[in-house]
């Protein structure tokens, strides 16, 4: 059975595309039958490729996210995905506000809780920072995705 995972951030051009790419890469390495996608809670960047800094950072770690296209999260994503991992508390609130029931809400978790359950930590938004912020964020998400892959084994 294929497991479907959705990564969600604000604009779907930095954190969630990198998280999508990381998990796809790990799934391929481990021979896992998973489908990964990403979305943003806002539609400002819908139809755009990831931010160049995110693309360059992912490439530095052997992950290609250059072909991804941003889209907005929608209520139908609750029907399509088994897990919805959000990057921060604002994304968590925005996604949970669209949940139709408890089943929908139970699919939504902070990504970094995978690595440190109950830590309630956020993936910082590197958009306004320097390029080094992208590397730090990539490494945080990489560790969380490792924990998720391990949980599927």
N, C-alpha and C. Protein backbone atom coordinates (compact mmCIF):
# COMPACT_ATOMS: atom_id res chain seq x y z
N UNK A 1 0.84 -1.19 0.00
CA UNK A 1 0.00 0.00 0.00
C UNK A 1 0.88 1.25 0.00
N UNK A 2 0.54 2.18 -0.84
CA UNK A 2 1.29 3.43 -0.94
C UNK A 2 0.86 4.39 0.18
N UNK A 3 1.84 4.97 0.86
CA UNK A 3 1.59 5.98 1.88
C UNK A 3 1.76 7.34 1.22
N UNK A 4 0.82 8.26 1.48
CA UNK A 4 0.86 9.58 0.86
C UNK A 4 1.11 10.65 1.92
N UNK A 5 2.14 11.47 1.68
CA UNK A 5 2.56 12.49 2.62
C UNK A 5 2.54 13.85 1.94
N UNK A 6 2.01 14.85 2.65
CA UNK A 6 2.00 16.22 2.15
C UNK A 6 2.79 17.09 3.12
N UNK A 7 3.74 17.87 2.58
CA UNK A 7 4.51 18.84 3.34
C UNK A 7 3.91 20.22 3.10
N UNK A 8 3.70 20.98 4.17
CA UNK A 8 3.03 22.29 4.04
C UNK A 8 3.82 23.39 4.75
N UNK A 9 4.02 24.49 4.02
CA UNK A 9 4.58 25.71 4.63
C UNK A 9 3.72 26.89 4.16
N UNK A 10 4.23 28.08 4.28
CA UNK A 10 3.43 29.27 3.95
C UNK A 10 3.26 29.45 2.44
N UNK A 11 4.35 29.58 1.70
CA UNK A 11 4.25 29.89 0.28
C UNK A 11 4.57 28.76 -0.67
N UNK A 12 5.05 27.63 -0.13
CA UNK A 12 5.40 26.45 -0.92
C UNK A 12 6.55 26.71 -1.90
N UNK A 13 7.51 27.55 -1.46
CA UNK A 13 8.68 27.76 -2.32
C UNK A 13 10.00 27.59 -1.57
N UNK A 14 9.96 27.34 -0.27
CA UNK A 14 11.21 27.15 0.50
C UNK A 14 11.19 25.84 1.27
N UNK A 15 10.54 25.88 2.44
CA UNK A 15 10.61 24.75 3.35
C UNK A 15 9.90 23.51 2.82
N UNK A 16 8.64 23.62 2.44
CA UNK A 16 7.91 22.41 2.03
C UNK A 16 8.47 21.78 0.75
N UNK A 17 8.96 22.55 -0.23
CA UNK A 17 9.57 21.88 -1.38
C UNK A 17 10.85 21.13 -0.99
N UNK A 18 11.64 21.72 -0.09
CA UNK A 18 12.84 21.02 0.35
C UNK A 18 12.45 19.75 1.11
N UNK A 19 11.45 19.83 1.98
CA UNK A 19 11.00 18.66 2.74
C UNK A 19 10.47 17.59 1.80
N UNK A 20 9.71 17.99 0.79
CA UNK A 20 9.21 17.04 -0.21
C UNK A 20 10.38 16.34 -0.90
N UNK A 21 11.35 17.12 -1.33
CA UNK A 21 12.50 16.55 -2.02
C UNK A 21 13.31 15.62 -1.14
N UNK A 22 13.51 16.01 0.12
CA UNK A 22 14.25 15.18 1.06
C UNK A 22 13.58 13.83 1.24
N UNK A 23 12.26 13.85 1.49
CA UNK A 23 11.55 12.60 1.75
C UNK A 23 11.47 11.73 0.50
N UNK A 24 11.29 12.33 -0.67
CA UNK A 24 11.29 11.55 -1.91
C UNK A 24 12.65 10.86 -2.09
N UNK A 25 13.70 11.60 -1.84
CA UNK A 25 15.06 11.07 -1.97
C UNK A 25 15.27 9.89 -1.02
N UNK A 26 14.86 10.04 0.21
CA UNK A 26 15.02 8.98 1.21
C UNK A 26 14.16 7.76 0.87
N UNK A 27 12.95 8.00 0.37
CA UNK A 27 12.06 6.90 -0.01
C UNK A 27 12.70 6.07 -1.12
N UNK A 28 13.28 6.76 -2.08
CA UNK A 28 13.93 6.06 -3.19
C UNK A 28 15.11 5.24 -2.68
N UNK A 29 15.91 5.84 -1.81
CA UNK A 29 17.08 5.15 -1.24
C UNK A 29 16.69 3.89 -0.46
N UNK A 30 15.55 3.96 0.23
CA UNK A 30 15.11 2.85 1.08
C UNK A 30 14.09 1.93 0.40
N UNK A 31 13.75 2.21 -0.85
CA UNK A 31 12.80 1.39 -1.58
C UNK A 31 11.40 1.42 -0.99
N UNK A 32 11.01 2.58 -0.47
CA UNK A 32 9.68 2.70 0.15
C UNK A 32 8.64 3.11 -0.88
N UNK A 33 7.43 2.58 -0.70
CA UNK A 33 6.31 2.91 -1.58
C UNK A 33 5.55 4.09 -0.98
N UNK A 34 6.10 5.29 -1.20
CA UNK A 34 5.41 6.48 -0.70
C UNK A 34 5.31 7.53 -1.80
N UNK A 35 4.29 8.34 -1.70
CA UNK A 35 4.09 9.48 -2.59
C UNK A 35 4.21 10.73 -1.72
N UNK A 36 5.00 11.70 -2.18
CA UNK A 36 5.20 12.93 -1.42
C UNK A 36 4.88 14.12 -2.30
N UNK A 37 4.19 15.09 -1.73
CA UNK A 37 3.86 16.33 -2.42
C UNK A 37 4.03 17.46 -1.41
N UNK A 38 3.88 18.70 -1.88
CA UNK A 38 3.94 19.83 -0.97
C UNK A 38 2.95 20.90 -1.41
N UNK A 39 2.61 21.78 -0.46
CA UNK A 39 1.66 22.85 -0.72
C UNK A 39 1.92 23.99 0.25
N UNK A 40 1.34 25.13 -0.04
CA UNK A 40 1.44 26.29 0.83
C UNK A 40 0.07 26.68 1.35
N UNK A 41 0.05 27.31 2.50
CA UNK A 41 -1.23 27.77 3.04
C UNK A 41 -1.68 29.03 2.31
N UNK A 42 -0.76 29.71 1.65
CA UNK A 42 -1.08 30.88 0.83
C UNK A 42 -0.85 30.58 -0.63
N UNK A 43 -1.50 31.35 -1.51
CA UNK A 43 -1.41 31.10 -2.96
C UNK A 43 -0.51 32.09 -3.70
N UNK A 44 0.24 32.91 -2.97
CA UNK A 44 1.05 33.95 -3.61
C UNK A 44 1.99 33.41 -4.66
N UNK A 45 2.54 32.24 -4.45
CA UNK A 45 3.55 31.69 -5.36
C UNK A 45 3.05 30.51 -6.20
N UNK A 46 1.75 30.28 -6.20
CA UNK A 46 1.18 29.16 -6.96
C UNK A 46 1.66 29.25 -8.41
N UNK A 47 2.12 28.10 -8.92
CA UNK A 47 2.60 28.03 -10.29
C UNK A 47 4.08 28.32 -10.45
N UNK A 48 4.75 28.73 -9.36
CA UNK A 48 6.17 29.05 -9.42
C UNK A 48 7.02 27.86 -8.99
N UNK A 49 8.27 27.89 -9.43
CA UNK A 49 9.27 26.91 -8.97
C UNK A 49 9.77 27.35 -7.60
N UNK A 50 10.44 26.46 -6.87
CA UNK A 50 10.98 26.83 -5.56
C UNK A 50 11.98 27.99 -5.66
N UNK A 51 12.13 28.69 -4.55
CA UNK A 51 13.11 29.77 -4.42
C UNK A 51 14.48 29.22 -4.81
N UNK A 52 15.27 30.02 -5.51
CA UNK A 52 16.58 29.59 -6.00
C UNK A 52 17.48 29.15 -4.84
N UNK A 53 17.40 29.83 -3.71
CA UNK A 53 18.23 29.45 -2.56
C UNK A 53 17.86 28.06 -2.05
N UNK A 54 16.57 27.75 -2.06
CA UNK A 54 16.11 26.42 -1.64
C UNK A 54 16.61 25.36 -2.64
N UNK A 55 16.48 25.67 -3.92
CA UNK A 55 16.92 24.75 -4.97
C UNK A 55 18.42 24.48 -4.87
N UNK A 56 19.20 25.54 -4.67
CA UNK A 56 20.65 25.40 -4.58
C UNK A 56 21.06 24.62 -3.33
N UNK A 57 20.37 24.88 -2.22
CA UNK A 57 20.68 24.17 -0.98
C UNK A 57 20.38 22.69 -1.13
N UNK A 58 19.22 22.36 -1.66
CA UNK A 58 18.85 20.96 -1.85
C UNK A 58 19.86 20.27 -2.78
N UNK A 59 20.23 20.95 -3.84
CA UNK A 59 21.18 20.38 -4.80
C UNK A 59 22.52 20.08 -4.13
N UNK A 60 22.93 20.95 -3.22
CA UNK A 60 24.19 20.77 -2.48
C UNK A 60 24.19 19.45 -1.71
N UNK A 61 22.98 18.98 -1.32
CA UNK A 61 22.84 17.73 -0.58
C UNK A 61 22.36 16.58 -1.47
N UNK A 62 22.40 16.78 -2.78
CA UNK A 62 22.05 15.72 -3.72
C UNK A 62 20.57 15.53 -3.96
N UNK A 63 19.77 16.57 -3.67
CA UNK A 63 18.31 16.49 -3.84
C UNK A 63 17.88 17.52 -4.88
N UNK A 64 17.17 17.07 -5.92
CA UNK A 64 16.72 17.96 -6.98
C UNK A 64 15.25 18.35 -6.76
N UNK A 65 15.02 19.64 -6.50
CA UNK A 65 13.65 20.13 -6.33
C UNK A 65 13.28 21.13 -7.42
N UNK A 66 14.14 21.27 -8.43
CA UNK A 66 13.99 22.32 -9.44
C UNK A 66 12.71 22.22 -10.27
N UNK A 67 12.15 21.03 -10.40
CA UNK A 67 10.97 20.84 -11.25
C UNK A 67 9.64 21.01 -10.50
N UNK A 68 9.71 21.16 -9.19
CA UNK A 68 8.47 21.29 -8.41
C UNK A 68 7.75 22.60 -8.75
N UNK A 69 6.44 22.57 -8.60
CA UNK A 69 5.59 23.75 -8.85
C UNK A 69 4.73 23.99 -7.61
N UNK A 70 4.76 25.23 -7.12
CA UNK A 70 4.01 25.59 -5.92
C UNK A 70 2.50 25.54 -6.17
N UNK A 71 1.79 25.14 -5.12
CA UNK A 71 0.32 25.14 -5.15
C UNK A 71 -0.19 25.45 -3.75
N UNK A 72 -1.46 25.79 -3.68
CA UNK A 72 -2.09 26.12 -2.41
C UNK A 72 -2.74 24.87 -1.81
N UNK A 73 -2.62 24.74 -0.50
CA UNK A 73 -3.29 23.67 0.24
C UNK A 73 -4.80 23.81 0.07
N UNK A 74 -5.50 22.69 -0.05
CA UNK A 74 -6.96 22.74 -0.14
C UNK A 74 -7.58 21.64 0.72
N UNK A 75 -8.83 21.80 1.01
CA UNK A 75 -9.57 20.83 1.84
C UNK A 75 -9.48 19.41 1.28
N UNK A 76 -9.44 19.29 -0.05
CA UNK A 76 -9.37 17.95 -0.66
C UNK A 76 -8.07 17.22 -0.32
N UNK A 77 -7.06 17.96 0.12
CA UNK A 77 -5.81 17.31 0.52
C UNK A 77 -6.01 16.36 1.69
N UNK A 78 -7.00 16.62 2.51
CA UNK A 78 -7.30 15.71 3.61
C UNK A 78 -7.74 14.34 3.08
N UNK A 79 -8.40 14.33 1.93
CA UNK A 79 -8.85 13.07 1.33
C UNK A 79 -7.71 12.35 0.62
N UNK A 80 -6.76 13.10 0.10
CA UNK A 80 -5.68 12.54 -0.70
C UNK A 80 -4.50 12.01 0.10
N UNK A 81 -4.25 12.57 1.30
CA UNK A 81 -3.02 12.26 2.01
C UNK A 81 -3.25 11.58 3.35
N UNK A 82 -2.32 10.69 3.71
CA UNK A 82 -2.36 9.98 4.98
C UNK A 82 -1.74 10.80 6.11
N UNK A 83 -0.71 11.57 5.76
CA UNK A 83 0.00 12.42 6.72
C UNK A 83 0.18 13.80 6.12
N UNK A 84 -0.05 14.83 6.95
CA UNK A 84 0.17 16.21 6.53
C UNK A 84 1.12 16.83 7.55
N UNK A 85 2.34 17.09 7.11
CA UNK A 85 3.36 17.64 8.00
C UNK A 85 3.53 19.13 7.71
N UNK A 86 3.33 19.94 8.74
CA UNK A 86 3.43 21.39 8.61
C UNK A 86 4.73 21.88 9.25
N UNK A 87 5.17 23.05 8.81
CA UNK A 87 6.48 23.56 9.23
C UNK A 87 6.44 24.40 10.50
N UNK A 88 5.31 25.08 10.75
CA UNK A 88 5.27 25.94 11.93
C UNK A 88 3.85 26.05 12.50
N UNK A 89 3.74 26.76 13.62
CA UNK A 89 2.44 26.87 14.30
C UNK A 89 1.40 27.61 13.47
N UNK A 90 1.83 28.59 12.70
CA UNK A 90 0.90 29.32 11.83
C UNK A 90 0.33 28.37 10.77
N UNK A 91 1.19 27.57 10.15
CA UNK A 91 0.72 26.58 9.17
C UNK A 91 -0.21 25.58 9.83
N UNK A 92 0.13 25.17 11.04
CA UNK A 92 -0.69 24.22 11.78
C UNK A 92 -2.10 24.77 11.99
N UNK A 93 -2.19 26.02 12.45
CA UNK A 93 -3.51 26.66 12.65
C UNK A 93 -4.28 26.75 11.34
N UNK A 94 -3.59 27.20 10.27
CA UNK A 94 -4.27 27.39 8.98
C UNK A 94 -4.79 26.07 8.40
N UNK A 95 -4.01 25.01 8.53
CA UNK A 95 -4.43 23.71 8.00
C UNK A 95 -5.55 23.13 8.86
N UNK A 96 -5.38 23.19 10.18
CA UNK A 96 -6.42 22.66 11.07
C UNK A 96 -7.74 23.42 10.93
N UNK A 97 -7.69 24.68 10.56
CA UNK A 97 -8.91 25.48 10.35
C UNK A 97 -9.74 24.92 9.19
N UNK A 98 -9.10 24.19 8.29
CA UNK A 98 -9.82 23.60 7.15
C UNK A 98 -10.25 22.15 7.40
N UNK A 99 -9.80 21.60 8.53
CA UNK A 99 -10.18 20.21 8.85
C UNK A 99 -11.69 20.12 9.04
N UNK A 100 -12.27 19.11 8.43
CA UNK A 100 -13.72 18.94 8.49
C UNK A 100 -14.16 18.11 9.68
N UNK A 101 -13.22 17.34 10.22
CA UNK A 101 -13.55 16.44 11.32
C UNK A 101 -12.27 16.02 12.04
N UNK A 102 -12.42 15.18 13.05
CA UNK A 102 -11.28 14.73 13.83
C UNK A 102 -10.32 13.87 13.00
N UNK A 103 -10.85 13.10 12.08
CA UNK A 103 -10.00 12.27 11.21
C UNK A 103 -9.04 13.16 10.41
N UNK A 104 -9.57 14.24 9.85
CA UNK A 104 -8.73 15.19 9.12
C UNK A 104 -7.66 15.78 10.05
N UNK A 105 -8.10 16.26 11.20
CA UNK A 105 -7.19 16.92 12.15
C UNK A 105 -6.08 16.00 12.63
N UNK A 106 -6.38 14.72 12.78
CA UNK A 106 -5.39 13.76 13.27
C UNK A 106 -4.26 13.49 12.27
N UNK A 107 -4.46 13.87 11.01
CA UNK A 107 -3.42 13.69 9.99
C UNK A 107 -2.34 14.76 10.06
N UNK A 108 -2.63 15.86 10.76
CA UNK A 108 -1.77 17.05 10.75
C UNK A 108 -0.82 17.06 11.94
N UNK A 109 0.48 17.20 11.65
CA UNK A 109 1.50 17.23 12.70
C UNK A 109 2.60 18.21 12.30
N UNK A 110 3.28 18.75 13.30
CA UNK A 110 4.48 19.55 13.05
C UNK A 110 5.59 18.60 12.57
N UNK A 111 6.28 18.96 11.51
CA UNK A 111 7.31 18.09 10.95
C UNK A 111 8.38 17.73 11.97
N UNK A 112 8.85 18.69 12.73
CA UNK A 112 9.95 18.42 13.65
C UNK A 112 9.54 17.55 14.84
N UNK A 113 8.24 17.35 15.04
CA UNK A 113 7.80 16.42 16.08
C UNK A 113 8.12 14.97 15.70
N UNK A 114 8.43 14.73 14.43
CA UNK A 114 8.82 13.38 14.01
C UNK A 114 10.14 12.98 14.65
N UNK A 115 11.03 13.95 14.73
CA UNK A 115 12.36 13.71 15.28
C UNK A 115 12.36 13.79 16.81
N UNK A 116 11.62 14.74 17.34
CA UNK A 116 11.51 14.92 18.79
C UNK A 116 10.04 15.03 19.15
N UNK A 117 9.36 13.88 19.31
CA UNK A 117 7.93 13.88 19.59
C UNK A 117 7.56 14.79 20.77
N UNK A 118 6.54 15.60 20.54
CA UNK A 118 6.04 16.49 21.59
C UNK A 118 6.87 17.74 21.81
N UNK A 119 7.92 17.94 21.01
CA UNK A 119 8.79 19.10 21.20
C UNK A 119 8.13 20.40 20.78
N UNK A 120 7.16 20.30 19.88
CA UNK A 120 6.40 21.47 19.43
C UNK A 120 7.30 22.51 18.75
N UNK A 121 8.42 22.04 18.17
CA UNK A 121 9.36 22.94 17.51
C UNK A 121 8.92 23.27 16.10
N UNK A 122 9.31 24.45 15.66
CA UNK A 122 9.00 24.91 14.31
C UNK A 122 10.24 24.84 13.42
N UNK A 123 10.00 24.66 12.13
CA UNK A 123 11.06 24.83 11.13
C UNK A 123 11.05 26.33 10.81
N UNK A 124 12.15 27.03 11.13
CA UNK A 124 12.16 28.48 10.86
C UNK A 124 12.06 28.77 9.37
N UNK A 125 11.43 29.88 9.04
CA UNK A 125 11.30 30.28 7.64
C UNK A 125 12.58 30.98 7.20
N UNK A 126 13.33 30.39 6.26
CA UNK A 126 14.60 30.98 5.84
C UNK A 126 14.46 32.09 4.81
N UNK A 127 13.24 32.36 4.35
CA UNK A 127 12.99 33.29 3.26
C UNK A 127 13.68 34.63 3.44
N UNK A 128 13.60 35.22 4.64
CA UNK A 128 14.14 36.56 4.86
C UNK A 128 15.58 36.54 5.36
N UNK A 129 16.12 35.36 5.59
CA UNK A 129 17.47 35.26 6.13
C UNK A 129 18.52 35.09 5.05
N UNK A 130 19.70 34.73 5.51
CA UNK A 130 20.82 34.49 4.61
C UNK A 130 20.75 33.05 4.08
N UNK A 131 21.59 32.75 3.11
CA UNK A 131 21.63 31.41 2.52
C UNK A 131 21.93 30.34 3.56
N UNK A 132 22.75 30.67 4.57
CA UNK A 132 23.08 29.70 5.61
C UNK A 132 21.83 29.21 6.33
N UNK A 133 20.80 30.05 6.41
CA UNK A 133 19.54 29.65 7.03
C UNK A 133 18.90 28.49 6.29
N UNK A 134 19.06 28.45 4.99
CA UNK A 134 18.51 27.36 4.19
C UNK A 134 19.20 26.04 4.52
N UNK A 135 20.51 26.10 4.73
CA UNK A 135 21.26 24.90 5.08
C UNK A 135 20.82 24.37 6.44
N UNK A 136 20.69 25.25 7.40
CA UNK A 136 20.25 24.84 8.75
C UNK A 136 18.86 24.22 8.70
N UNK A 137 17.97 24.84 7.95
CA UNK A 137 16.60 24.34 7.80
C UNK A 137 16.61 22.98 7.10
N UNK A 138 17.41 22.85 6.05
CA UNK A 138 17.50 21.58 5.33
C UNK A 138 17.91 20.47 6.30
N UNK A 139 18.92 20.72 7.11
CA UNK A 139 19.42 19.71 8.04
C UNK A 139 18.37 19.32 9.08
N UNK A 140 17.60 20.29 9.56
CA UNK A 140 16.52 19.98 10.53
C UNK A 140 15.49 19.05 9.90
N UNK A 141 15.08 19.39 8.68
CA UNK A 141 14.06 18.61 7.99
C UNK A 141 14.59 17.24 7.60
N UNK A 142 15.86 17.17 7.25
CA UNK A 142 16.49 15.91 6.89
C UNK A 142 16.43 14.94 8.09
N UNK A 143 16.73 15.45 9.25
CA UNK A 143 16.70 14.64 10.47
C UNK A 143 15.28 14.14 10.77
N UNK A 144 14.30 15.04 10.61
CA UNK A 144 12.90 14.66 10.83
C UNK A 144 12.44 13.61 9.82
N UNK A 145 12.86 13.77 8.56
CA UNK A 145 12.49 12.79 7.53
C UNK A 145 13.16 11.44 7.78
N UNK A 146 14.38 11.46 8.31
CA UNK A 146 15.03 10.20 8.71
C UNK A 146 14.17 9.46 9.74
N UNK A 147 13.68 10.21 10.72
CA UNK A 147 12.85 9.61 11.77
C UNK A 147 11.57 9.03 11.18
N UNK A 148 10.99 9.73 10.20
CA UNK A 148 9.76 9.24 9.57
C UNK A 148 10.02 7.95 8.80
N UNK A 149 11.10 7.95 8.02
CA UNK A 149 11.46 6.74 7.25
C UNK A 149 11.68 5.58 8.19
N UNK A 150 12.37 5.82 9.28
CA UNK A 150 12.63 4.78 10.27
C UNK A 150 11.31 4.24 10.85
N UNK A 151 10.32 5.13 11.05
CA UNK A 151 9.03 4.71 11.61
C UNK A 151 8.25 3.81 10.64
N UNK A 152 8.55 3.91 9.35
CA UNK A 152 7.87 3.10 8.34
C UNK A 152 8.51 1.73 8.16
N UNK A 153 9.74 1.59 8.65
CA UNK A 153 10.48 0.34 8.47
C UNK A 153 10.02 -0.74 9.44
